[in-house]
Each structure stands twice: as structure tokens, then as C-alpha cells.
C-alpha atoms as a PDB file:
ATOM      1  CA  UNK A   1     133.905  92.352  87.249  1.00  0.00           C
ATOM      2  CA  UNK A   2     131.685  89.512  88.441  1.00  0.00           C
ATOM      3  CA  UNK A   3     132.701  87.209  85.595  1.00  0.00           C
ATOM      4  CA  UNK A   4     136.344  87.818  86.578  1.00  0.00           C
ATOM      5  CA  UNK A   5     135.484  86.492  90.036  1.00  0.00           C
ATOM      6  CA  UNK A   6     133.958  83.344  88.505  1.00  0.00           C
ATOM      7  CA  UNK A   7     130.383  84.453  89.229  1.00  0.00           C
ATOM      8  CA  UNK A   8     127.942  83.579  86.457  1.00  0.00           C
ATOM      9  CA  UNK A   9     125.314  86.282  85.906  1.00  0.00           C
ATOM     10  CA  UNK A  10     122.684  87.423  83.457  1.00  0.00           C
ATOM     11  CA  UNK A  11     121.959  91.136  83.070  1.00  0.00           C
ATOM     12  CA  UNK A  12     118.944  92.824  81.467  1.00  0.00           C
ATOM     13  CA  UNK A  13     117.270  96.209  81.241  1.00  0.00           C
ATOM     14  CA  UNK A  14     114.441  96.755  83.705  1.00  0.00           C
ATOM     15  CA  UNK A  15     112.122  97.646  80.838  1.00  0.00           C
ATOM     16  CA  UNK A  16     113.500  97.391  77.341  1.00  0.00           C
ATOM     17  CA  UNK A  17     110.534  99.278  75.850  1.00  0.00           C
ATOM     18  CA  UNK A  18     111.032 102.235  78.189  1.00  0.00           C
ATOM     19  CA  UNK A  19     114.727 102.290  77.362  1.00  0.00           C
ATOM     20  CA  UNK A  20     113.982 102.839  73.687  1.00  0.00           C
ATOM     21  CA  UNK A  21     111.535 105.712  74.125  1.00  0.00           C
ATOM     22  CA  UNK A  22     113.069 107.119  77.310  1.00  0.00           C
ATOM     23  CA  UNK A  23     115.003 110.333  77.465  1.00  0.00           C
ATOM     24  CA  UNK A  24     118.793 110.112  77.223  1.00  0.00           C
ATOM     25  CA  UNK A  25     118.859 112.115  80.464  1.00  0.00           C
ATOM     26  CA  UNK A  26     116.965 109.448  82.377  1.00  0.00           C
ATOM     27  CA  UNK A  27     119.142 106.995  84.321  1.00  0.00           C
ATOM     28  CA  UNK A  28     119.188 103.458  83.003  1.00  0.00           C
ATOM     29  CA  UNK A  29     118.327 100.650  85.383  1.00  0.00           C
ATOM     30  CA  UNK A  30     119.394  97.056  85.041  1.00  0.00           C
ATOM     31  CA  UNK A  31     118.573  93.763  86.672  1.00  0.00           C
ATOM     32  CA  UNK A  32     121.319  91.394  87.663  1.00  0.00           C
ATOM     33  CA  UNK A  33     120.491  87.712  87.940  1.00  0.00           C
ATOM     34  CA  UNK A  34     122.917  85.445  89.783  1.00  0.00           C
ATOM     35  CA  UNK A  35     122.826  81.956  88.325  1.00  0.00           C
ATOM     36  CA  UNK A  36     124.233  80.159  91.396  1.00  0.00           C
ATOM     37  CA  UNK A  37     122.716  80.905  94.813  1.00  0.00           C
ATOM     38  CA  UNK A  38     126.029  80.257  96.527  1.00  0.00           C
ATOM     39  CA  UNK A  39     127.553  83.280  94.757  1.00  0.00           C
ATOM     40  CA  UNK A  40     125.115  85.754  96.355  1.00  0.00           C
ATOM     41  CA  UNK A  41     127.259  86.760  99.383  1.00  0.00           C
ATOM     42  CA  UNK A  42     130.357  87.476  97.247  1.00  0.00           C
ATOM     43  CA  UNK A  43     128.233  89.308  94.668  1.00  0.00           C
ATOM     44  CA  UNK A  44     126.817  91.545  97.406  1.00  0.00           C
ATOM     45  CA  UNK A  45     130.334  92.304  98.640  1.00  0.00           C
ATOM     46  CA  UNK A  46     131.456  93.286  95.134  1.00  0.00           C
ATOM     47  CA  UNK A  47     128.374  95.449  94.533  1.00  0.00           C
ATOM     48  CA  UNK A  48     128.920  97.233  97.848  1.00  0.00           C
ATOM     49  CA  UNK A  49     132.565  97.880  96.936  1.00  0.00           C
ATOM     50  CA  UNK A  50     131.496  99.309  93.560  1.00  0.00           C
ATOM     51  CA  UNK A  51     128.778 101.462  95.131  1.00  0.00           C
ATOM     52  CA  UNK A  52     126.063  99.796  93.050  1.00  0.00           C
ATOM     53  CA  UNK A  53     124.233  98.160  95.941  1.00  0.00           C
ATOM     54  CA  UNK A  54     121.005  99.865  97.054  1.00  0.00           C
ATOM     55  CA  UNK A  55     120.024  97.626  99.905  1.00  0.00           C
ATOM     56  CA  UNK A  56     118.592  94.199 100.558  1.00  0.00           C
ATOM     57  CA  UNK A  57     116.371  92.721  97.864  1.00  0.00           C
ATOM     58  CA  UNK A  58     112.657  93.335  98.198  1.00  0.00           C
ATOM     59  CA  UNK A  59     110.712  90.541  99.840  1.00  0.00           C
ATOM     60  CA  UNK A  60     107.841  89.008  97.971  1.00  0.00           C
ATOM     61  CA  UNK A  61     104.770  89.494 100.115  1.00  0.00           C
ATOM     62  CA  UNK A  62     101.715  87.463  99.128  1.00  0.00           C
ATOM     63  CA  UNK A  63      98.603  89.512  98.524  1.00  0.00           C
ATOM     64  CA  UNK A  64      95.807  88.766 100.941  1.00  0.00           C
ATOM     65  CA  UNK A  65      92.291  89.265  99.796  1.00  0.00           C
ATOM     66  CA  UNK A  66      89.533  89.528 102.320  1.00  0.00           C
ATOM     67  CA  UNK A  67      86.128  87.932 101.932  1.00  0.00           C
ATOM     68  CA  UNK A  68      84.667  91.420 101.390  1.00  0.00           C
ATOM     69  CA  UNK A  69      86.903  92.012  98.367  1.00  0.00           C
ATOM     70  CA  UNK A  70      86.039  88.599  96.933  1.00  0.00           C
ATOM     71  CA  UNK A  71      82.334  89.240  97.435  1.00  0.00           C
ATOM     72  CA  UNK A  72      82.631  92.665  95.788  1.00  0.00           C
ATOM     73  CA  UNK A  73      84.463  91.229  92.762  1.00  0.00           C
ATOM     74  CA  UNK A  74      81.902  88.434  92.486  1.00  0.00           C
ATOM     75  CA  UNK A  75      79.080  90.998  92.531  1.00  0.00           C
ATOM     76  CA  UNK A  76      80.756  93.033  89.789  1.00  0.00           C
ATOM     77  CA  UNK A  77      81.178  89.886  87.705  1.00  0.00           C
ATOM     78  CA  UNK A  78      77.515  88.959  88.106  1.00  0.00           C
ATOM     79  CA  UNK A  79      76.409  92.495  87.156  1.00  0.00           C
ATOM     80  CA  UNK A  80      78.620  92.410  84.057  1.00  0.00           C
ATOM     81  CA  UNK A  81      77.202  89.049  83.001  1.00  0.00           C
ATOM     82  CA  UNK A  82      73.635  90.270  83.487  1.00  0.00           C
ATOM     83  CA  UNK A  83      74.326  93.497  81.544  1.00  0.00           C
ATOM     84  CA  UNK A  84      76.020  91.568  78.721  1.00  0.00           C
ATOM     85  CA  UNK A  85      73.101  89.168  78.333  1.00  0.00           C
ATOM     86  CA  UNK A  86      70.381  91.858  78.319  1.00  0.00           C
END
């Protein structure tokens, strides 16, 4: 449908390994990659019309690490080095 509209896409399974060992009763999930950013609004319209649209794409939120977490990980690393050298 999208290729008929002149929208270039690439589709793939979410997890090819899970698709092989998964149950035939489990729903298959796919990822759709739009090759041209300008095609995104029309692609969303088509997906909504087909009923395949779940909502807006998830935002990428950067992970924030506090100084306490960094200190804790540093302490674990030091303990592991000391244990490995003893």
C-alpha cells in the first residue's frame, strides 16, 4: 500500500529469533522504517486508515545517572578488581 503511494519503506520483524521459536498463536510484530522523513505525515494517515497505527512513536529519553549510581558502580568495579587479583 505504501509503495503504491510512492513511499519508500523498509520492513523487518521486531525480533527474527523470537519469530522462529515463537508460537504460531502469538501475534507477529513488525517494524516499518520510512526512508524519507517527508513521507511521515502521509504514512501516518495511511496507517490510521488501515487501523495499524498504535499511537505516536516513543520518544527517546536519555538515561540520567546520578553521582550516587556512578560511585556505587565504581566501588563494585574496584571490589571486583581486588578480588580478581587476590
